[in-house]
Amino acid sequence: MKDLHGSNAIVTGASRGLGVYIAKTLAGRGVNVALAARSAERLEETRRACEALGVRAVAVPVDVTSLDDLRRLTDTARRTLGPIDILVNNAGIELTASLVDHSFSQIDDIVRTNLGAPIWLTKLVLPDMIARRRGAVVQVSSLAGKAGEPYGAIYSATKAGLIGFTDSLNMELDGTGVRASAVCPGYVSEAGMWEAQGLTAPRMLKEVPPQKVADAVIKAIGGATLVPVTSGPIRPLFALADLMPGLNLWVARRLGVIEMMRGQAERLQAGADRPPVGDVAAGGADAQAAQRQ
């Protein structure tokens, strides 16, 4: 999809962080938006900001792990805006902890929010897109889905699942006029968990501004299948990692990522500096706000 003006989009996780940037960037391109998240108050702020850019916008407070809520979201979007042309699955949660310190309910929350909900919502919007031979589905994944993040095993697994889901779905959609894409941010400043928790990325893994992620979503809607969002070239490292099993572990050690994430996990486990539950997500009693998607 190239000409976005007048299109209609659903954006989840639109009450804070990356979701706000994505929603406003779409609105700036003339896209009407249906905005979804748990926090009605924050969602209303995003809605007003989008309408100020000259488009129609509707705020729909939802729990993305509820199929009934997702059906209500799609019905409201179609009734208010018209046929859905774009879906951006951005809502997500992350818990920095070792696997043994995750509760079973926390694991379930992360999997349902980060992977189950995007699959459900994609299934809900696809039939109309295919019938009209027009549509773009964008999953906001993560570089953690390409190279696992220490003390984020469940999060990494769900983000890798989104990439695999996108690859497979694109084969099914071949020739339909509908495309699926995945955007993979690395460390994000300002709207990221690093900013919220006073952390900075390792020196060699520079943070990127959230607007760069929003611009990557536009690129994905335009037809790019997998869009990494980093401060430097990353695809050669992906290819090298495939050829050299164990490279990711070596790199994580050398860059201090394991040590940094272990320290953060220990602080959170001890109850110090625990961030509030993120409005980008549903459920997740002890889950962190995940702006590094």
C-alpha atoms as a PDB file:
ATOM      1  CA  MET A   1       0.000   0.000   0.000  1.00  0.00           C
ATOM      2  CA  LYS A   2       1.508   3.301  -1.102  1.00  0.00           C
ATOM      3  CA  ASP A   3      -1.223   5.945  -0.974  1.00  0.00           C
ATOM      4  CA  LEU A   4      -2.464   5.853   2.620  1.00  0.00           C
ATOM      5  CA  HIS A   5      -4.631   8.981   2.643  1.00  0.00           C
ATOM      6  CA  GLY A   6      -8.209   8.103   3.539  1.00  0.00           C
ATOM      7  CA  SER A   7      -7.324   4.586   4.716  1.00  0.00           C
ATOM      8  CA  ASN A   8      -8.596   3.196   8.013  1.00  0.00           C
ATOM      9  CA  ALA A   9      -6.347   1.571  10.615  1.00  0.00           C
ATOM     10  CA  ILE A  10      -6.510  -0.232  13.947  1.00  0.00           C
ATOM     11  CA  VAL A  11      -3.565   0.365  16.298  1.00  0.00           C
ATOM     12  CA  THR A  12      -3.276  -1.569  19.555  1.00  0.00           C
ATOM     13  CA  GLY A  13      -1.243  -0.408  22.518  1.00  0.00           C
ATOM     14  CA  ALA A  14      -2.066   3.168  21.489  1.00  0.00           C
ATOM     15  CA  SER A  15      -2.276   4.757  24.937  1.00  0.00           C
ATOM     16  CA  ARG A  16       1.442   5.261  25.518  1.00  0.00           C
ATOM     17  CA  GLY A  17       4.944   4.698  24.189  1.00  0.00           C
ATOM     18  CA  LEU A  18       5.456   3.507  20.639  1.00  0.00           C
ATOM     19  CA  GLY A  19       1.722   3.193  20.036  1.00  0.00           C
ATOM     20  CA  VAL A  20       1.233   6.947  20.370  1.00  0.00           C
ATOM     21  CA  TYR A  21       4.006   7.639  17.861  1.00  0.00           C
ATOM     22  CA  ILE A  22       2.616   5.060  15.427  1.00  0.00           C
ATOM     23  CA  ALA A  23      -0.942   6.396  15.700  1.00  0.00           C
ATOM     24  CA  LYS A  24       0.099  10.024  15.205  1.00  0.00           C
ATOM     25  CA  THR A  25       2.366   9.138  12.279  1.00  0.00           C
ATOM     26  CA  LEU A  26      -0.491   7.321  10.549  1.00  0.00           C
ATOM     27  CA  ALA A  27      -2.811  10.251  11.238  1.00  0.00           C
ATOM     28  CA  GLY A  28      -0.210  12.583   9.756  1.00  0.00           C
ATOM     29  CA  ARG A  29      -0.445  10.537   6.554  1.00  0.00           C
ATOM     30  CA  GLY A  30      -4.209  11.021   6.454  1.00  0.00           C
ATOM     31  CA  VAL A  31      -5.128   7.632   7.951  1.00  0.00           C
ATOM     32  CA  ASN A  32      -8.228   7.402  10.152  1.00  0.00           C
ATOM     33  CA  VAL A  33      -7.442   5.416  13.289  1.00  0.00           C
ATOM     34  CA  ALA A  34      -9.202   3.146  15.758  1.00  0.00           C
ATOM     35  CA  LEU A  35      -7.087   3.202  18.906  1.00  0.00           C
ATOM     36  CA  ALA A  36      -7.042   0.329  21.387  1.00  0.00           C
ATOM     37  CA  ALA A  37      -5.516  -0.083  24.857  1.00  0.00           C
ATOM     38  CA  ARG A  38      -6.617  -0.602  28.446  1.00  0.00           C
ATOM     39  CA  SER A  39      -6.332   2.975  29.700  1.00  0.00           C
ATOM     40  CA  ALA A  40      -9.360   4.967  28.555  1.00  0.00           C
ATOM     41  CA  GLU A  41      -7.920   8.265  29.793  1.00  0.00           C
ATOM     42  CA  ARG A  42      -4.568   7.946  28.010  1.00  0.00           C
ATOM     43  CA  LEU A  43      -6.285   6.570  24.927  1.00  0.00           C
ATOM     44  CA  GLU A  44      -8.493   9.649  24.784  1.00  0.00           C
ATOM     45  CA  GLU A  45      -5.376  11.830  24.776  1.00  0.00           C
ATOM     46  CA  THR A  46      -4.059   9.967  21.736  1.00  0.00           C
ATOM     47  CA  ARG A  47      -7.435  10.224  20.019  1.00  0.00           C
ATOM     48  CA  ARG A  48      -7.505  13.993  20.449  1.00  0.00           C
ATOM     49  CA  ALA A  49      -3.939  14.304  19.141  1.00  0.00           C
ATOM     50  CA  CYS A  50      -4.831  12.292  16.035  1.00  0.00           C
ATOM     51  CA  GLU A  51      -8.018  14.246  15.339  1.00  0.00           C
ATOM     52  CA  ALA A  52      -6.005  17.459  15.607  1.00  0.00           C
ATOM     53  CA  LEU A  53      -4.104  16.209  12.551  1.00  0.00           C
ATOM     54  CA  GLY A  54      -7.319  16.238  10.530  1.00  0.00           C
ATOM     55  CA  VAL A  55      -8.445  12.614  10.571  1.00  0.00           C
ATOM     56  CA  ARG A  56     -11.248  10.687  12.234  1.00  0.00           C
ATOM     57  CA  ALA A  57     -10.238   8.784  15.345  1.00  0.00           C
ATOM     58  CA  VAL A  58     -12.050   6.560  17.807  1.00  0.00           C
ATOM     59  CA  ALA A  59     -10.784   5.287  21.173  1.00  0.00           C
ATOM     60  CA  VAL A  60     -11.831   1.755  22.146  1.00  0.00           C
ATOM     61  CA  PRO A  61     -10.667   0.602  25.601  1.00  0.00           C
ATOM     62  CA  VAL A  62     -10.053  -3.146  25.403  1.00  0.00           C
ATOM     63  CA  ASP A  63      -8.325  -6.084  27.017  1.00  0.00           C
ATOM     64  CA  VAL A  64      -6.486  -7.553  24.029  1.00  0.00           C
ATOM     65  CA  THR A  65      -6.504 -11.016  25.600  1.00  0.00           C
ATOM     66  CA  SER A  66     -10.312 -11.041  25.448  1.00  0.00           C
ATOM     67  CA  LEU A  67     -11.697 -12.323  22.137  1.00  0.00           C
ATOM     68  CA  ASP A  68     -15.002 -10.587  22.874  1.00  0.00           C
ATOM     69  CA  ASP A  69     -13.162  -7.285  23.314  1.00  0.00           C
ATOM     70  CA  LEU A  70     -11.275  -7.759  20.046  1.00  0.00           C
ATOM     71  CA  ARG A  71     -14.540  -8.437  18.223  1.00  0.00           C
ATOM     72  CA  ARG A  72     -15.985  -5.280  19.773  1.00  0.00           C
ATOM     73  CA  LEU A  73     -12.893  -3.373  18.627  1.00  0.00           C
ATOM     74  CA  THR A  74     -13.180  -4.497  15.002  1.00  0.00           C
ATOM     75  CA  ASP A  75     -16.946  -3.931  14.937  1.00  0.00           C
ATOM     76  CA  THR A  76     -16.547  -0.418  16.376  1.00  0.00           C
ATOM     77  CA  ALA A  77     -13.751   0.436  13.944  1.00  0.00           C
ATOM     78  CA  ARG A  78     -15.790  -0.660  10.924  1.00  0.00           C
ATOM     79  CA  ARG A  79     -18.945   1.050  12.127  1.00  0.00           C
ATOM     80  CA  THR A  80     -17.168   4.325  12.918  1.00  0.00           C
ATOM     81  CA  LEU A  81     -14.500   4.515  10.221  1.00  0.00           C
ATOM     82  CA  GLY A  82     -15.386   1.998   7.515  1.00  0.00           C
ATOM     83  CA  PRO A  83     -13.503  -1.045   6.146  1.00  0.00           C
ATOM     84  CA  ILE A  84     -10.173  -1.699   7.848  1.00  0.00           C
ATOM     85  CA  ASP A  85      -7.178  -1.312   5.538  1.00  0.00           C
ATOM     86  CA  ILE A  86      -4.344  -1.448   8.084  1.00  0.00           C
ATOM     87  CA  LEU A  87      -3.802  -3.360  11.316  1.00  0.00           C
ATOM     88  CA  VAL A  88      -0.843  -2.575  13.576  1.00  0.00           C
ATOM     89  CA  ASN A  89      -0.474  -5.098  16.396  1.00  0.00           C
ATOM     90  CA  ASN A  90       1.672  -3.112  18.813  1.00  0.00           C
ATOM     91  CA  ALA A  91       0.398  -4.030  22.303  1.00  0.00           C
ATOM     92  CA  GLY A  92       2.834  -6.067  24.318  1.00  0.00           C
ATOM     93  CA  ILE A  93       4.264  -6.775  27.771  1.00  0.00           C
ATOM     94  CA  GLU A  94       7.675  -7.819  29.016  1.00  0.00           C
ATOM     95  CA  LEU A  95       8.927  -9.129  32.337  1.00  0.00           C
ATOM     96  CA  THR A  96      12.681  -9.017  32.967  1.00  0.00           C
ATOM     97  CA  ALA A  97      13.268 -12.134  35.047  1.00  0.00           C
ATOM     98  CA  SER A  98      14.821 -15.561  34.822  1.00  0.00           C
ATOM     99  CA  LEU A  99      12.469 -18.272  33.640  1.00  0.00           C
ATOM    100  CA  VAL A 100      12.457 -19.929  37.071  1.00  0.00           C
ATOM    101  CA  ASP A 101      11.231 -16.664  38.598  1.00  0.00           C
ATOM    102  CA  HIS A 102       8.284 -16.326  36.191  1.00  0.00           C
ATOM    103  CA  SER A 103       4.993 -17.554  37.583  1.00  0.00           C
ATOM    104  CA  PHE A 104       2.844 -19.689  35.328  1.00  0.00           C
ATOM    105  CA  SER A 105       0.234 -16.933  35.209  1.00  0.00           C
ATOM    106  CA  GLN A 106       2.875 -14.407  34.122  1.00  0.00           C
ATOM    107  CA  ILE A 107       4.005 -16.717  31.330  1.00  0.00           C
ATOM    108  CA  ASP A 108       0.418 -17.097  30.195  1.00  0.00           C
ATOM    109  CA  ASP A 109      -0.153 -13.311  30.281  1.00  0.00           C
ATOM    110  CA  ILE A 110       2.897 -12.617  28.116  1.00  0.00           C
ATOM    111  CA  VAL A 111       2.092 -15.319  25.569  1.00  0.00           C
ATOM    112  CA  ARG A 112      -1.568 -14.348  25.289  1.00  0.00           C
ATOM    113  CA  THR A 113      -0.846 -10.624  25.012  1.00  0.00           C
ATOM    114  CA  ASN A 114       2.200 -10.700  22.733  1.00  0.00           C
ATOM    115  CA  LEU A 115       1.331 -13.610  20.457  1.00  0.00           C
ATOM    116  CA  GLY A 116      -2.206 -14.885  20.938  1.00  0.00           C
ATOM    117  CA  ALA A 117      -3.901 -11.476  20.700  1.00  0.00           C
ATOM    118  CA  PRO A 118      -2.136 -10.433  17.451  1.00  0.00           C
ATOM    119  CA  ILE A 119      -3.049 -13.750  15.844  1.00  0.00           C
ATOM    120  CA  TRP A 120      -6.693 -13.392  16.918  1.00  0.00           C
ATOM    121  CA  LEU A 121      -6.964  -9.799  15.716  1.00  0.00           C
ATOM    122  CA  THR A 122      -5.267 -10.616  12.416  1.00  0.00           C
ATOM    123  CA  LYS A 123      -7.762 -13.415  11.849  1.00  0.00           C
ATOM    124  CA  LEU A 124     -10.647 -11.039  12.555  1.00  0.00           C
ATOM    125  CA  VAL A 125      -9.605  -8.403  10.003  1.00  0.00           C
ATOM    126  CA  LEU A 126      -8.243 -10.610   7.198  1.00  0.00           C
ATOM    127  CA  PRO A 127     -11.460 -11.849   5.557  1.00  0.00           C
ATOM    128  CA  ASP A 128     -12.623  -8.326   4.644  1.00  0.00           C
ATOM    129  CA  MET A 129      -9.137  -7.333   3.509  1.00  0.00           C
ATOM    130  CA  ILE A 130      -8.908 -10.359   1.240  1.00  0.00           C
ATOM    131  CA  ALA A 131     -12.404  -9.765  -0.133  1.00  0.00           C
ATOM    132  CA  ARG A 132     -11.423  -6.184  -1.048  1.00  0.00           C
ATOM    133  CA  ARG A 133      -7.931  -7.247  -2.193  1.00  0.00           C
ATOM    134  CA  ARG A 134      -6.426  -4.465  -0.082  1.00  0.00           C
ATOM    135  CA  GLY A 135      -4.763  -4.535   3.289  1.00  0.00           C
ATOM    136  CA  ALA A 136      -1.610  -4.468   5.378  1.00  0.00           C
ATOM    137  CA  VAL A 137      -1.013  -6.226   8.694  1.00  0.00           C
ATOM    138  CA  VAL A 138       2.010  -5.083  10.698  1.00  0.00           C
ATOM    139  CA  GLN A 139       3.275  -6.950  13.745  1.00  0.00           C
ATOM    140  CA  VAL A 140       5.514  -4.932  16.059  1.00  0.00           C
ATOM    141  CA  SER A 141       8.020  -7.629  16.974  1.00  0.00           C
ATOM    142  CA  SER A 142      11.538  -7.028  18.303  1.00  0.00           C
ATOM    143  CA  LEU A 143      15.180  -7.771  17.630  1.00  0.00           C
ATOM    144  CA  ALA A 144      14.725 -10.076  20.623  1.00  0.00           C
ATOM    145  CA  GLY A 145      12.692 -12.203  18.218  1.00  0.00           C
ATOM    146  CA  LYS A 146      15.770 -12.615  16.019  1.00  0.00           C
ATOM    147  CA  ALA A 147      18.396 -12.921  18.758  1.00  0.00           C
ATOM    148  CA  GLY A 148      17.053 -13.889  22.159  1.00  0.00           C
ATOM    149  CA  GLU A 149      17.207 -11.450  25.058  1.00  0.00           C
ATOM    150  CA  PRO A 150      18.708 -12.688  28.345  1.00  0.00           C
ATOM    151  CA  TYR A 151      16.196 -12.720  31.188  1.00  0.00           C
ATOM    152  CA  GLY A 152      13.449 -12.309  28.622  1.00  0.00           C
ATOM    153  CA  ALA A 153      12.977 -15.858  27.369  1.00  0.00           C
ATOM    154  CA  ILE A 154       9.181 -15.746  27.162  1.00  0.00           C
ATOM    155  CA  TYR A 155       9.154 -12.285  25.611  1.00  0.00           C
ATOM    156  CA  SER A 156      11.757 -13.358  23.031  1.00  0.00           C
ATOM    157  CA  ALA A 157       9.795 -16.491  22.224  1.00  0.00           C
ATOM    158  CA  THR A 158       6.609 -14.512  21.555  1.00  0.00           C
ATOM    159  CA  LYS A 159       8.415 -11.992  19.357  1.00  0.00           C
ATOM    160  CA  ALA A 160      10.077 -14.793  17.388  1.00  0.00           C
ATOM    161  CA  GLY A 161       6.612 -16.307  17.044  1.00  0.00           C
ATOM    162  CA  LEU A 162       5.335 -13.084  15.460  1.00  0.00           C
ATOM    163  CA  ILE A 163       8.115 -13.217  12.876  1.00  0.00           C
ATOM    164  CA  GLY A 164       7.357 -16.838  12.042  1.00  0.00           C
ATOM    165  CA  PHE A 165       3.642 -16.080  11.893  1.00  0.00           C
ATOM    166  CA  THR A 166       4.322 -13.226   9.462  1.00  0.00           C
ATOM    167  CA  ASP A 167       6.526 -15.348   7.197  1.00  0.00           C
ATOM    168  CA  SER A 168       3.990 -18.144   6.974  1.00  0.00           C
ATOM    169  CA  LEU A 169       1.012 -15.815   6.589  1.00  0.00           C
ATOM    170  CA  ASN A 170       2.615 -14.017   3.670  1.00  0.00           C
ATOM    171  CA  MET A 171       2.784 -17.305   1.778  1.00  0.00           C
ATOM    172  CA  GLU A 172      -0.937 -17.796   2.312  1.00  0.00           C
ATOM    173  CA  LEU A 173      -1.659 -14.220   1.231  1.00  0.00           C
ATOM    174  CA  ASP A 174       0.352 -14.390  -1.985  1.00  0.00           C
ATOM    175  CA  GLY A 175      -1.734 -12.974  -4.815  1.00  0.00           C
ATOM    176  CA  THR A 176      -4.517 -11.648  -2.546  1.00  0.00           C
ATOM    177  CA  GLY A 177      -3.478  -7.987  -2.495  1.00  0.00           C
ATOM    178  CA  VAL A 178      -2.879  -8.198   1.275  1.00  0.00           C
ATOM    179  CA  ARG A 179       0.569  -8.186   2.883  1.00  0.00           C
ATOM    180  CA  ALA A 180       1.899  -9.011   6.338  1.00  0.00           C
ATOM    181  CA  SER A 181       5.031  -7.438   7.790  1.00  0.00           C
ATOM    182  CA  ALA A 182       7.048  -7.417  10.997  1.00  0.00           C
ATOM    183  CA  VAL A 183       8.879  -4.432  12.447  1.00  0.00           C
ATOM    184  CA  CYS A 184      11.763  -5.305  14.781  1.00  0.00           C
ATOM    185  CA  PRO A 185      12.960  -2.463  17.033  1.00  0.00           C
ATOM    186  CA  GLY A 186      16.073  -2.798  19.109  1.00  0.00           C
ATOM    187  CA  TYR A 187      16.681  -0.443  22.026  1.00  0.00           C
ATOM    188  CA  VAL A 188      14.276   2.511  21.888  1.00  0.00           C
ATOM    189  CA  SER A 189      14.857   5.808  23.691  1.00  0.00           C
ATOM    190  CA  GLU A 190      12.296   8.206  25.170  1.00  0.00           C
ATOM    191  CA  ALA A 191       9.329   5.840  24.861  1.00  0.00           C
ATOM    192  CA  GLY A 192      11.281   2.791  25.936  1.00  0.00           C
ATOM    193  CA  MET A 193      11.647   0.801  29.124  1.00  0.00           C
ATOM    194  CA  TRP A 194      15.241   2.074  29.281  1.00  0.00           C
ATOM    195  CA  GLU A 195      14.011   5.620  29.766  1.00  0.00           C
ATOM    196  CA  ALA A 196      11.307   4.579  32.256  1.00  0.00           C
ATOM    197  CA  GLN A 197      13.761   2.621  34.392  1.00  0.00           C
ATOM    198  CA  GLY A 198      16.748   4.929  34.058  1.00  0.00           C
ATOM    199  CA  LEU A 199      18.693   2.376  31.983  1.00  0.00           C
ATOM    200  CA  THR A 200      20.773   2.973  28.884  1.00  0.00           C
ATOM    201  CA  ALA A 201      21.621   0.493  26.175  1.00  0.00           C
ATOM    202  CA  PRO A 202      25.172  -0.877  25.953  1.00  0.00           C
ATOM    203  CA  ARG A 203      27.483   1.545  24.148  1.00  0.00           C
ATOM    204  CA  MET A 204      27.702  -0.510  20.945  1.00  0.00           C
ATOM    205  CA  LEU A 205      23.915  -1.002  20.817  1.00  0.00           C
ATOM    206  CA  LYS A 206      22.793   2.585  20.519  1.00  0.00           C
ATOM    207  CA  GLU A 207      19.167   3.479  21.163  1.00  0.00           C
ATOM    208  CA  VAL A 208      16.919   4.712  18.382  1.00  0.00           C
ATOM    209  CA  PRO A 209      14.205   7.368  18.746  1.00  0.00           C
ATOM    210  CA  PRO A 210      10.603   6.117  18.808  1.00  0.00           C
ATOM    211  CA  GLN A 211       9.767   8.082  15.676  1.00  0.00           C
ATOM    212  CA  LYS A 212      12.148   5.807  13.763  1.00  0.00           C
ATOM    213  CA  VAL A 213       9.985   2.854  14.786  1.00  0.00           C
ATOM    214  CA  ALA A 214       6.839   4.665  13.616  1.00  0.00           C
ATOM    215  CA  ASP A 215       8.514   5.418  10.295  1.00  0.00           C
ATOM    216  CA  ALA A 216       9.406   1.721  10.002  1.00  0.00           C
ATOM    217  CA  VAL A 217       5.713   0.871  10.356  1.00  0.00           C
ATOM    218  CA  ILE A 218       4.984   3.126   7.368  1.00  0.00           C
ATOM    219  CA  LYS A 219       7.721   1.324   5.437  1.00  0.00           C
ATOM    220  CA  ALA A 220       6.187  -2.024   6.362  1.00  0.00           C
ATOM    221  CA  ILE A 221       2.754  -0.904   5.197  1.00  0.00           C
ATOM    222  CA  GLY A 222       4.428   0.061   1.926  1.00  0.00           C
ATOM    223  CA  GLY A 223       5.495  -3.538   1.339  1.00  0.00           C
ATOM    224  CA  ALA A 224       8.679  -4.301   3.308  1.00  0.00           C
ATOM    225  CA  THR A 225       8.330  -7.726   4.910  1.00  0.00           C
ATOM    226  CA  LEU A 226      10.837  -7.465   7.784  1.00  0.00           C
ATOM    227  CA  VAL A 227      12.033  -4.053   8.989  1.00  0.00           C
ATOM    228  CA  PRO A 228      14.784  -3.972  11.642  1.00  0.00           C
ATOM    229  CA  VAL A 229      14.999  -0.662  13.532  1.00  0.00           C
ATOM    230  CA  THR A 230      18.510  -0.104  14.830  1.00  0.00           C
ATOM    231  CA  SER A 231      21.201   2.546  14.821  1.00  0.00           C
ATOM    232  CA  GLY A 232      23.317   0.585  12.333  1.00  0.00           C
ATOM    233  CA  PRO A 233      23.182  -2.291   9.821  1.00  0.00           C
ATOM    234  CA  ILE A 234      21.937  -5.492  11.421  1.00  0.00           C
ATOM    235  CA  ARG A 235      21.041  -7.878   8.591  1.00  0.00           C
ATOM    236  CA  PRO A 236      24.649  -9.090   8.107  1.00  0.00           C
ATOM    237  CA  LEU A 237      24.705 -10.080  11.771  1.00  0.00           C
ATOM    238  CA  PHE A 238      21.448 -12.004  11.327  1.00  0.00           C
ATOM    239  CA  ALA A 239      22.983 -13.953   8.444  1.00  0.00           C
ATOM    240  CA  LEU A 240      26.211 -14.564  10.350  1.00  0.00           C
ATOM    241  CA  ALA A 241      24.339 -15.779  13.419  1.00  0.00           C
ATOM    242  CA  ASP A 242      22.494 -18.335  11.271  1.00  0.00           C
ATOM    243  CA  LEU A 243      25.837 -19.646  10.008  1.00  0.00           C
ATOM    244  CA  MET A 244      27.523 -19.638  13.410  1.00  0.00           C
ATOM    245  CA  PRO A 245      25.419 -21.127  16.230  1.00  0.00           C
ATOM    246  CA  GLY A 246      26.538 -19.652  19.521  1.00  0.00           C
ATOM    247  CA  LEU A 247      27.437 -16.250  18.065  1.00  0.00           C
ATOM    248  CA  ASN A 248      24.524 -14.570  19.831  1.00  0.00           C
ATOM    249  CA  LEU A 249      25.773 -15.783  23.212  1.00  0.00           C
ATOM    250  CA  TRP A 250      29.302 -14.544  22.476  1.00  0.00           C
ATOM    251  CA  VAL A 251      28.049 -11.134  21.362  1.00  0.00           C
ATOM    252  CA  ALA A 252      25.746 -10.774  24.387  1.00  0.00           C
ATOM    253  CA  ARG A 253      28.671 -11.539  26.690  1.00  0.00           C
ATOM    254  CA  ARG A 254      31.059  -9.148  24.950  1.00  0.00           C
ATOM    255  CA  LEU A 255      28.589  -6.265  24.932  1.00  0.00           C
ATOM    256  CA  GLY A 256      27.629  -6.712  28.555  1.00  0.00           C
ATOM    257  CA  VAL A 257      23.989  -7.428  27.758  1.00  0.00           C
ATOM    258  CA  ILE A 258      23.774 -10.522  29.966  1.00  0.00           C
ATOM    259  CA  GLU A 259      25.305  -8.743  32.932  1.00  0.00           C
ATOM    260  CA  MET A 260      23.067  -5.703  32.477  1.00  0.00           C
ATOM    261  CA  MET A 261      19.861  -7.726  32.218  1.00  0.00           C
ATOM    262  CA  ARG A 262      20.839  -9.994  35.108  1.00  0.00           C
ATOM    263  CA  GLY A 263      21.295  -6.938  37.307  1.00  0.00           C
ATOM    264  CA  GLN A 264      17.931  -5.533  36.288  1.00  0.00           C
ATOM    265  CA  ALA A 265      16.217  -8.880  36.891  1.00  0.00           C
ATOM    266  CA  GLU A 266      17.751  -9.077  40.370  1.00  0.00           C
ATOM    267  CA  ARG A 267      16.630  -5.531  41.231  1.00  0.00           C
ATOM    268  CA  LEU A 268      13.080  -6.261  40.109  1.00  0.00           C
ATOM    269  CA  GLN A 269      13.017  -9.592  41.923  1.00  0.00           C
ATOM    270  CA  ALA A 270      14.050  -7.784  45.088  1.00  0.00           C
ATOM    271  CA  GLY A 271      11.172  -5.352  44.605  1.00  0.00           C
ATOM    272  CA  ALA A 272      13.349  -2.284  43.972  1.00  0.00           C
ATOM    273  CA  ASP A 273      12.513   0.163  41.171  1.00  0.00           C
ATOM    274  CA  ARG A 274       9.603  -1.966  40.023  1.00  0.00           C
ATOM    275  CA  PRO A 275       7.829  -0.112  37.163  1.00  0.00           C
ATOM    276  CA  PRO A 276       4.045   0.059  36.957  1.00  0.00           C
ATOM    277  CA  VAL A 277       2.062  -2.330  34.805  1.00  0.00           C
ATOM    278  CA  GLY A 278       1.941  -0.946  31.279  1.00  0.00           C
ATOM    279  CA  ASP A 279      -1.228   0.317  29.667  1.00  0.00           C
ATOM    280  CA  VAL A 280       0.023  -1.148  26.415  1.00  0.00           C
ATOM    281  CA  ALA A 281      -1.000  -4.542  27.694  1.00  0.00           C
ATOM    282  CA  ALA A 282      -3.858  -6.484  29.097  1.00  0.00           C
ATOM    283  CA  GLY A 283      -3.595  -8.522  32.266  1.00  0.00           C
ATOM    284  CA  GLY A 284      -0.115  -9.253  33.542  1.00  0.00           C
ATOM    285  CA  ALA A 285      -0.244  -8.645  37.279  1.00  0.00           C
ATOM    286  CA  ASP A 286       3.511  -8.144  37.698  1.00  0.00           C
ATOM    287  CA  ALA A 287       4.554  -7.542  34.114  1.00  0.00           C
ATOM    288  CA  GLN A 288       6.649  -4.525  33.213  1.00  0.00           C
ATOM    289  CA  ALA A 289       5.531  -1.833  30.830  1.00  0.00           C
ATOM    290  CA  ALA A 290       7.106  -2.921  27.562  1.00  0.00           C
ATOM    291  CA  GLN A 291       8.001  -0.062  25.292  1.00  0.00           C
ATOM    292  CA  ARG A 292      10.959  -1.925  23.836  1.00  0.00           C
ATOM    293  CA  GLN A 293       8.687  -3.956  21.627  1.00  0.00           C
END
